Amino acid sequence: MPGALPPSWIHVARALVDDRFAEPLTLAEIAEAVAVHPVHLSRTFHRRFGVTLSAYVRRRRIEAAARALACSTLPISHVALAAGFADQQHLSRRFKESTGLTPRAYRARSAPAPLTAAGA
């Protein structure tokens, strides 16, 4: 229904995903947490946010990995696991699909430029 307010549970579901995106959270678990049928959750989430629930989780994981790659020197395999990916290859494949860069290339581009002496 155009102009109708979204149900409050949809925002609770998104907040749950935002808090736990790195965990292996299933559609059924999220639906149970907000007391709706999984199909209803899936359809309503897509209608409300313009992206499927699984794509939203993937995007959150990529964002977390990108922050970690840019701001830390953790091994890429550790970044992958912390962001909820199965392994480094899984992160690399999804990261390149999303950003066009491998995690290593993204980290290299995100590294701060070396300081140079003034007037040099």
N, C-alpha and C. Protein backbone atom coordinates (compact mmCIF):
# COMPACT_ATOMS: atom_id res chain seq x y z
N MET A 1 0.84 -1.17 0.00
CA MET A 1 0.00 0.00 0.00
C MET A 1 0.89 1.24 0.00
N PRO A 2 0.85 2.06 -1.07
CA PRO A 2 1.70 3.25 -1.16
C PRO A 2 1.38 4.23 -0.03
N GLY A 3 2.44 4.80 0.54
CA GLY A 3 2.28 5.79 1.59
C GLY A 3 2.07 5.19 2.97
N ALA A 4 1.89 3.88 3.05
CA ALA A 4 1.68 3.25 4.35
C ALA A 4 3.01 3.15 5.10
N LEU A 5 2.93 3.29 6.41
CA LEU A 5 4.13 3.13 7.22
C LEU A 5 4.55 1.67 7.23
N PRO A 6 5.85 1.42 7.17
CA PRO A 6 6.31 0.03 7.22
C PRO A 6 6.07 -0.54 8.62
N PRO A 7 5.91 -1.84 8.70
CA PRO A 7 5.74 -2.44 10.03
C PRO A 7 7.01 -2.25 10.85
N SER A 8 6.86 -2.04 12.13
CA SER A 8 8.02 -1.79 12.99
C SER A 8 8.98 -2.98 13.02
N TRP A 9 8.45 -4.19 12.85
CA TRP A 9 9.31 -5.37 12.92
C TRP A 9 10.35 -5.40 11.81
N ILE A 10 10.08 -4.73 10.68
CA ILE A 10 11.05 -4.76 9.58
C ILE A 10 12.34 -4.03 9.98
N HIS A 11 12.19 -2.97 10.76
CA HIS A 11 13.37 -2.25 11.24
C HIS A 11 14.10 -3.05 12.32
N VAL A 12 13.35 -3.80 13.11
CA VAL A 12 13.97 -4.68 14.10
C VAL A 12 14.77 -5.77 13.38
N ALA A 13 14.21 -6.30 12.31
CA ALA A 13 14.91 -7.33 11.53
C ALA A 13 16.20 -6.77 10.94
N ARG A 14 16.14 -5.56 10.39
CA ARG A 14 17.35 -4.97 9.80
C ARG A 14 18.39 -4.70 10.89
N ALA A 15 17.95 -4.21 12.05
CA ALA A 15 18.88 -3.96 13.16
C ALA A 15 19.54 -5.26 13.62
N LEU A 16 18.78 -6.34 13.63
CA LEU A 16 19.33 -7.64 14.00
C LEU A 16 20.43 -8.04 13.02
N VAL A 17 20.17 -7.86 11.75
CA VAL A 17 21.18 -8.18 10.73
C VAL A 17 22.39 -7.26 10.89
N ASP A 18 22.15 -5.97 11.14
CA ASP A 18 23.26 -5.04 11.32
C ASP A 18 24.15 -5.45 12.50
N ASP A 19 23.53 -5.94 13.56
CA ASP A 19 24.28 -6.34 14.75
C ASP A 19 24.99 -7.68 14.59
N ARG A 20 24.41 -8.56 13.76
CA ARG A 20 24.92 -9.94 13.71
C ARG A 20 25.29 -10.41 12.30
N PHE A 21 25.60 -9.50 11.39
CA PHE A 21 25.86 -9.87 9.99
C PHE A 21 27.01 -10.84 9.82
N ALA A 22 27.96 -10.83 10.75
CA ALA A 22 29.13 -11.71 10.62
C ALA A 22 28.84 -13.13 11.09
N GLU A 23 27.67 -13.34 11.67
CA GLU A 23 27.28 -14.67 12.13
C GLU A 23 26.51 -15.40 11.03
N PRO A 24 26.49 -16.72 11.09
CA PRO A 24 25.70 -17.48 10.10
C PRO A 24 24.21 -17.45 10.46
N LEU A 25 23.59 -16.30 10.29
CA LEU A 25 22.20 -16.06 10.64
C LEU A 25 21.31 -16.48 9.48
N THR A 26 20.29 -17.28 9.75
CA THR A 26 19.40 -17.74 8.68
C THR A 26 18.15 -16.89 8.60
N LEU A 27 17.51 -16.95 7.46
CA LEU A 27 16.24 -16.26 7.27
C LEU A 27 15.23 -16.71 8.32
N ALA A 28 15.18 -18.00 8.59
CA ALA A 28 14.24 -18.55 9.58
C ALA A 28 14.51 -17.98 10.97
N GLU A 29 15.77 -17.82 11.33
CA GLU A 29 16.12 -17.27 12.65
C GLU A 29 15.69 -15.81 12.76
N ILE A 30 15.92 -15.05 11.72
CA ILE A 30 15.52 -13.64 11.73
C ILE A 30 14.00 -13.53 11.80
N ALA A 31 13.32 -14.32 10.99
CA ALA A 31 11.85 -14.31 10.98
C ALA A 31 11.29 -14.69 12.34
N GLU A 32 11.88 -15.69 12.96
CA GLU A 32 11.43 -16.12 14.29
C GLU A 32 11.63 -15.00 15.31
N ALA A 33 12.75 -14.29 15.20
CA ALA A 33 13.06 -13.21 16.14
C ALA A 33 12.06 -12.07 16.06
N VAL A 34 11.49 -11.86 14.87
CA VAL A 34 10.51 -10.77 14.71
C VAL A 34 9.08 -11.29 14.58
N ALA A 35 8.92 -12.59 14.75
CA ALA A 35 7.59 -13.24 14.78
C ALA A 35 6.78 -13.06 13.50
N VAL A 36 7.44 -13.31 12.36
CA VAL A 36 6.74 -13.31 11.07
C VAL A 36 7.20 -14.53 10.28
N HIS A 37 6.45 -14.86 9.26
CA HIS A 37 6.82 -15.98 8.39
C HIS A 37 8.04 -15.58 7.56
N PRO A 38 8.98 -16.51 7.33
CA PRO A 38 10.18 -16.18 6.55
C PRO A 38 9.89 -15.59 5.17
N VAL A 39 8.88 -16.10 4.48
CA VAL A 39 8.56 -15.57 3.14
C VAL A 39 8.07 -14.13 3.25
N HIS A 40 7.26 -13.87 4.25
CA HIS A 40 6.74 -12.50 4.47
C HIS A 40 7.90 -11.56 4.79
N LEU A 41 8.82 -12.00 5.64
CA LEU A 41 10.00 -11.20 5.96
C LEU A 41 10.80 -10.90 4.70
N SER A 42 11.06 -11.92 3.91
CA SER A 42 11.86 -11.76 2.71
C SER A 42 11.22 -10.77 1.74
N ARG A 43 9.95 -10.92 1.49
CA ARG A 43 9.26 -10.03 0.55
C ARG A 43 9.17 -8.60 1.08
N THR A 44 8.85 -8.46 2.35
CA THR A 44 8.71 -7.13 2.93
C THR A 44 10.06 -6.42 2.98
N PHE A 45 11.11 -7.14 3.32
CA PHE A 45 12.46 -6.56 3.37
C PHE A 45 12.84 -6.04 1.99
N HIS A 46 12.62 -6.84 0.97
CA HIS A 46 12.97 -6.43 -0.39
C HIS A 46 12.16 -5.22 -0.83
N ARG A 47 10.87 -5.22 -0.54
CA ARG A 47 10.02 -4.08 -0.89
C ARG A 47 10.44 -2.82 -0.16
N ARG A 48 10.75 -2.95 1.11
CA ARG A 48 11.07 -1.77 1.93
C ARG A 48 12.46 -1.22 1.64
N PHE A 49 13.45 -2.07 1.47
CA PHE A 49 14.83 -1.62 1.36
C PHE A 49 15.42 -1.75 -0.04
N GLY A 50 14.67 -2.33 -0.97
CA GLY A 50 15.11 -2.40 -2.36
C GLY A 50 16.24 -3.38 -2.62
N VAL A 51 16.46 -4.27 -1.69
CA VAL A 51 17.52 -5.26 -1.84
C VAL A 51 17.08 -6.52 -1.08
N THR A 52 17.50 -7.67 -1.56
CA THR A 52 17.15 -8.89 -0.85
C THR A 52 17.90 -8.94 0.47
N LEU A 53 17.38 -9.72 1.38
CA LEU A 53 18.01 -9.86 2.68
C LEU A 53 19.42 -10.42 2.55
N SER A 54 19.60 -11.41 1.70
CA SER A 54 20.93 -11.99 1.53
C SER A 54 21.91 -11.00 0.91
N ALA A 55 21.44 -10.18 -0.03
CA ALA A 55 22.31 -9.15 -0.62
C ALA A 55 22.67 -8.09 0.42
N TYR A 56 21.73 -7.78 1.30
CA TYR A 56 22.00 -6.81 2.38
C TYR A 56 23.08 -7.35 3.32
N VAL A 57 22.97 -8.61 3.69
CA VAL A 57 23.98 -9.23 4.56
C VAL A 57 25.34 -9.19 3.86
N ARG A 58 25.37 -9.56 2.59
CA ARG A 58 26.62 -9.55 1.83
C ARG A 58 27.23 -8.14 1.80
N ARG A 59 26.38 -7.14 1.58
CA ARG A 59 26.87 -5.75 1.52
C ARG A 59 27.46 -5.34 2.88
N ARG A 60 26.80 -5.70 3.96
CA ARG A 60 27.31 -5.37 5.30
C ARG A 60 28.66 -6.06 5.54
N ARG A 61 28.79 -7.30 5.09
CA ARG A 61 30.06 -8.02 5.26
C ARG A 61 31.18 -7.37 4.44
N ILE A 62 30.87 -6.98 3.22
CA ILE A 62 31.86 -6.31 2.37
C ILE A 62 32.28 -4.99 3.00
N GLU A 63 31.33 -4.22 3.51
CA GLU A 63 31.64 -2.95 4.17
C GLU A 63 32.56 -3.16 5.36
N ALA A 64 32.26 -4.17 6.18
CA ALA A 64 33.10 -4.46 7.35
C ALA A 64 34.50 -4.87 6.92
N ALA A 65 34.59 -5.70 5.90
CA ALA A 65 35.89 -6.14 5.41
C ALA A 65 36.67 -4.95 4.84
N ALA A 66 36.01 -4.08 4.11
CA ALA A 66 36.68 -2.91 3.53
C ALA A 66 37.25 -2.01 4.63
N ARG A 67 36.48 -1.79 5.69
CA ARG A 67 36.98 -0.98 6.82
C ARG A 67 38.20 -1.64 7.45
N ALA A 68 38.12 -2.93 7.66
CA ALA A 68 39.24 -3.65 8.29
C ALA A 68 40.47 -3.64 7.39
N LEU A 69 40.27 -3.80 6.11
CA LEU A 69 41.41 -3.79 5.18
C LEU A 69 42.09 -2.43 5.14
N ALA A 70 41.28 -1.37 5.20
CA ALA A 70 41.81 -0.01 5.12
C ALA A 70 42.48 0.43 6.42
N CYS A 71 42.01 -0.09 7.54
CA CYS A 71 42.43 0.43 8.84
C CYS A 71 43.28 -0.51 9.68
N SER A 72 43.60 -1.67 9.17
CA SER A 72 44.38 -2.61 9.97
C SER A 72 45.39 -3.34 9.09
N THR A 73 46.26 -4.04 9.77
CA THR A 73 47.23 -4.87 9.05
C THR A 73 46.95 -6.35 9.29
N LEU A 74 45.74 -6.65 9.76
CA LEU A 74 45.35 -8.05 9.96
C LEU A 74 45.51 -8.82 8.66
N PRO A 75 45.90 -10.07 8.73
CA PRO A 75 45.94 -10.88 7.51
C PRO A 75 44.54 -10.93 6.87
N ILE A 76 44.50 -11.01 5.57
CA ILE A 76 43.22 -11.02 4.85
C ILE A 76 42.37 -12.20 5.28
N SER A 77 42.98 -13.31 5.60
CA SER A 77 42.20 -14.46 6.06
C SER A 77 41.48 -14.15 7.37
N HIS A 78 42.10 -13.39 8.25
CA HIS A 78 41.47 -13.01 9.51
C HIS A 78 40.34 -12.01 9.26
N VAL A 79 40.56 -11.08 8.35
CA VAL A 79 39.52 -10.11 7.98
C VAL A 79 38.30 -10.86 7.44
N ALA A 80 38.55 -11.85 6.60
CA ALA A 80 37.46 -12.62 6.00
C ALA A 80 36.61 -13.29 7.07
N LEU A 81 37.24 -13.97 8.00
CA LEU A 81 36.50 -14.67 9.05
C LEU A 81 35.77 -13.70 9.97
N ALA A 82 36.40 -12.59 10.32
CA ALA A 82 35.77 -11.60 11.20
C ALA A 82 34.55 -10.96 10.56
N ALA A 83 34.56 -10.85 9.23
CA ALA A 83 33.43 -10.24 8.52
C ALA A 83 32.34 -11.24 8.18
N GLY A 84 32.55 -12.51 8.48
CA GLY A 84 31.51 -13.50 8.27
C GLY A 84 31.65 -14.34 7.01
N PHE A 85 32.77 -14.23 6.33
CA PHE A 85 32.99 -15.04 5.14
C PHE A 85 33.56 -16.41 5.54
N ALA A 86 33.33 -17.40 4.71
CA ALA A 86 33.78 -18.76 5.02
C ALA A 86 35.30 -18.85 5.07
N ASP A 87 35.97 -18.14 4.17
CA ASP A 87 37.42 -18.17 4.11
C ASP A 87 37.90 -17.01 3.23
N GLN A 88 39.21 -16.92 3.05
CA GLN A 88 39.79 -15.83 2.28
C GLN A 88 39.34 -15.84 0.82
N GLN A 89 39.22 -17.02 0.23
CA GLN A 89 38.76 -17.10 -1.17
C GLN A 89 37.34 -16.57 -1.32
N HIS A 90 36.49 -16.91 -0.36
CA HIS A 90 35.10 -16.44 -0.41
C HIS A 90 35.07 -14.92 -0.35
N LEU A 91 35.84 -14.34 0.58
CA LEU A 91 35.93 -12.88 0.66
C LEU A 91 36.46 -12.31 -0.65
N SER A 92 37.54 -12.87 -1.16
CA SER A 92 38.16 -12.34 -2.39
C SER A 92 37.18 -12.33 -3.56
N ARG A 93 36.46 -13.42 -3.72
CA ARG A 93 35.49 -13.53 -4.82
C ARG A 93 34.39 -12.49 -4.69
N ARG A 94 33.78 -12.41 -3.51
CA ARG A 94 32.68 -11.47 -3.28
C ARG A 94 33.15 -10.02 -3.29
N PHE A 95 34.33 -9.78 -2.74
CA PHE A 95 34.87 -8.42 -2.68
C PHE A 95 35.14 -7.90 -4.09
N LYS A 96 35.73 -8.74 -4.92
CA LYS A 96 36.01 -8.31 -6.30
C LYS A 96 34.73 -8.10 -7.08
N GLU A 97 33.72 -8.95 -6.88
CA GLU A 97 32.42 -8.76 -7.55
C GLU A 97 31.82 -7.41 -7.16
N SER A 98 31.98 -7.04 -5.91
CA SER A 98 31.35 -5.84 -5.38
C SER A 98 32.13 -4.56 -5.69
N THR A 99 33.46 -4.63 -5.55
CA THR A 99 34.27 -3.40 -5.66
C THR A 99 35.09 -3.31 -6.94
N GLY A 100 35.27 -4.45 -7.59
CA GLY A 100 36.14 -4.47 -8.77
C GLY A 100 37.61 -4.64 -8.42
N LEU A 101 37.91 -4.73 -7.13
CA LEU A 101 39.29 -4.89 -6.67
C LEU A 101 39.39 -6.13 -5.79
N THR A 102 40.56 -6.72 -5.76
CA THR A 102 40.80 -7.78 -4.81
C THR A 102 41.02 -7.12 -3.44
N PRO A 103 40.87 -7.86 -2.36
CA PRO A 103 41.14 -7.27 -1.05
C PRO A 103 42.56 -6.70 -0.94
N ARG A 104 43.54 -7.41 -1.50
CA ARG A 104 44.92 -6.93 -1.45
C ARG A 104 45.07 -5.60 -2.20
N ALA A 105 44.46 -5.49 -3.38
CA ALA A 105 44.54 -4.25 -4.15
C ALA A 105 43.80 -3.12 -3.42
N TYR A 106 42.67 -3.44 -2.82
CA TYR A 106 41.92 -2.44 -2.07
C TYR A 106 42.75 -1.92 -0.89
N ARG A 107 43.40 -2.82 -0.19
CA ARG A 107 44.24 -2.43 0.94
C ARG A 107 45.38 -1.54 0.46
N ALA A 108 46.00 -1.89 -0.66
CA ALA A 108 47.11 -1.08 -1.19
C ALA A 108 46.64 0.31 -1.57
N ARG A 109 45.46 0.42 -2.16
CA ARG A 109 44.93 1.74 -2.53
C ARG A 109 44.51 2.55 -1.32
N SER A 110 44.14 1.87 -0.24
CA SER A 110 43.66 2.55 0.96
C SER A 110 44.78 2.97 1.89
N ALA A 111 45.98 2.46 1.64
CA ALA A 111 47.11 2.78 2.52
C ALA A 111 47.42 4.27 2.43
N PRO A 112 47.71 4.90 3.56
CA PRO A 112 48.04 6.33 3.52
C PRO A 112 49.32 6.56 2.74
N ALA A 113 49.37 7.69 2.07
CA ALA A 113 50.56 8.05 1.30
C ALA A 113 51.71 8.32 2.28
N PRO A 114 52.92 7.94 1.92
CA PRO A 114 54.06 8.18 2.81
C PRO A 114 54.30 9.68 2.96
N LEU A 115 54.72 10.07 4.15
CA LEU A 115 55.02 11.47 4.41
C LEU A 115 56.34 11.82 3.73
N THR A 116 56.41 13.02 3.20
CA THR A 116 57.66 13.48 2.58
C THR A 116 58.10 14.74 3.31
N ALA A 117 59.39 15.02 3.25
CA ALA A 117 59.93 16.22 3.90
C ALA A 117 59.44 17.45 3.17
N ALA A 118 59.13 18.48 3.89
CA ALA A 118 58.65 19.73 3.29
C ALA A 118 59.73 20.31 2.39
N GLY A 119 59.31 20.71 1.22
CA GLY A 119 60.23 21.33 0.27
C GLY A 119 61.11 20.35 -0.46
N ALA A 120 60.92 19.08 -0.28
CA ALA A 120 61.77 18.09 -0.94
C ALA A 120 61.35 17.86 -2.34
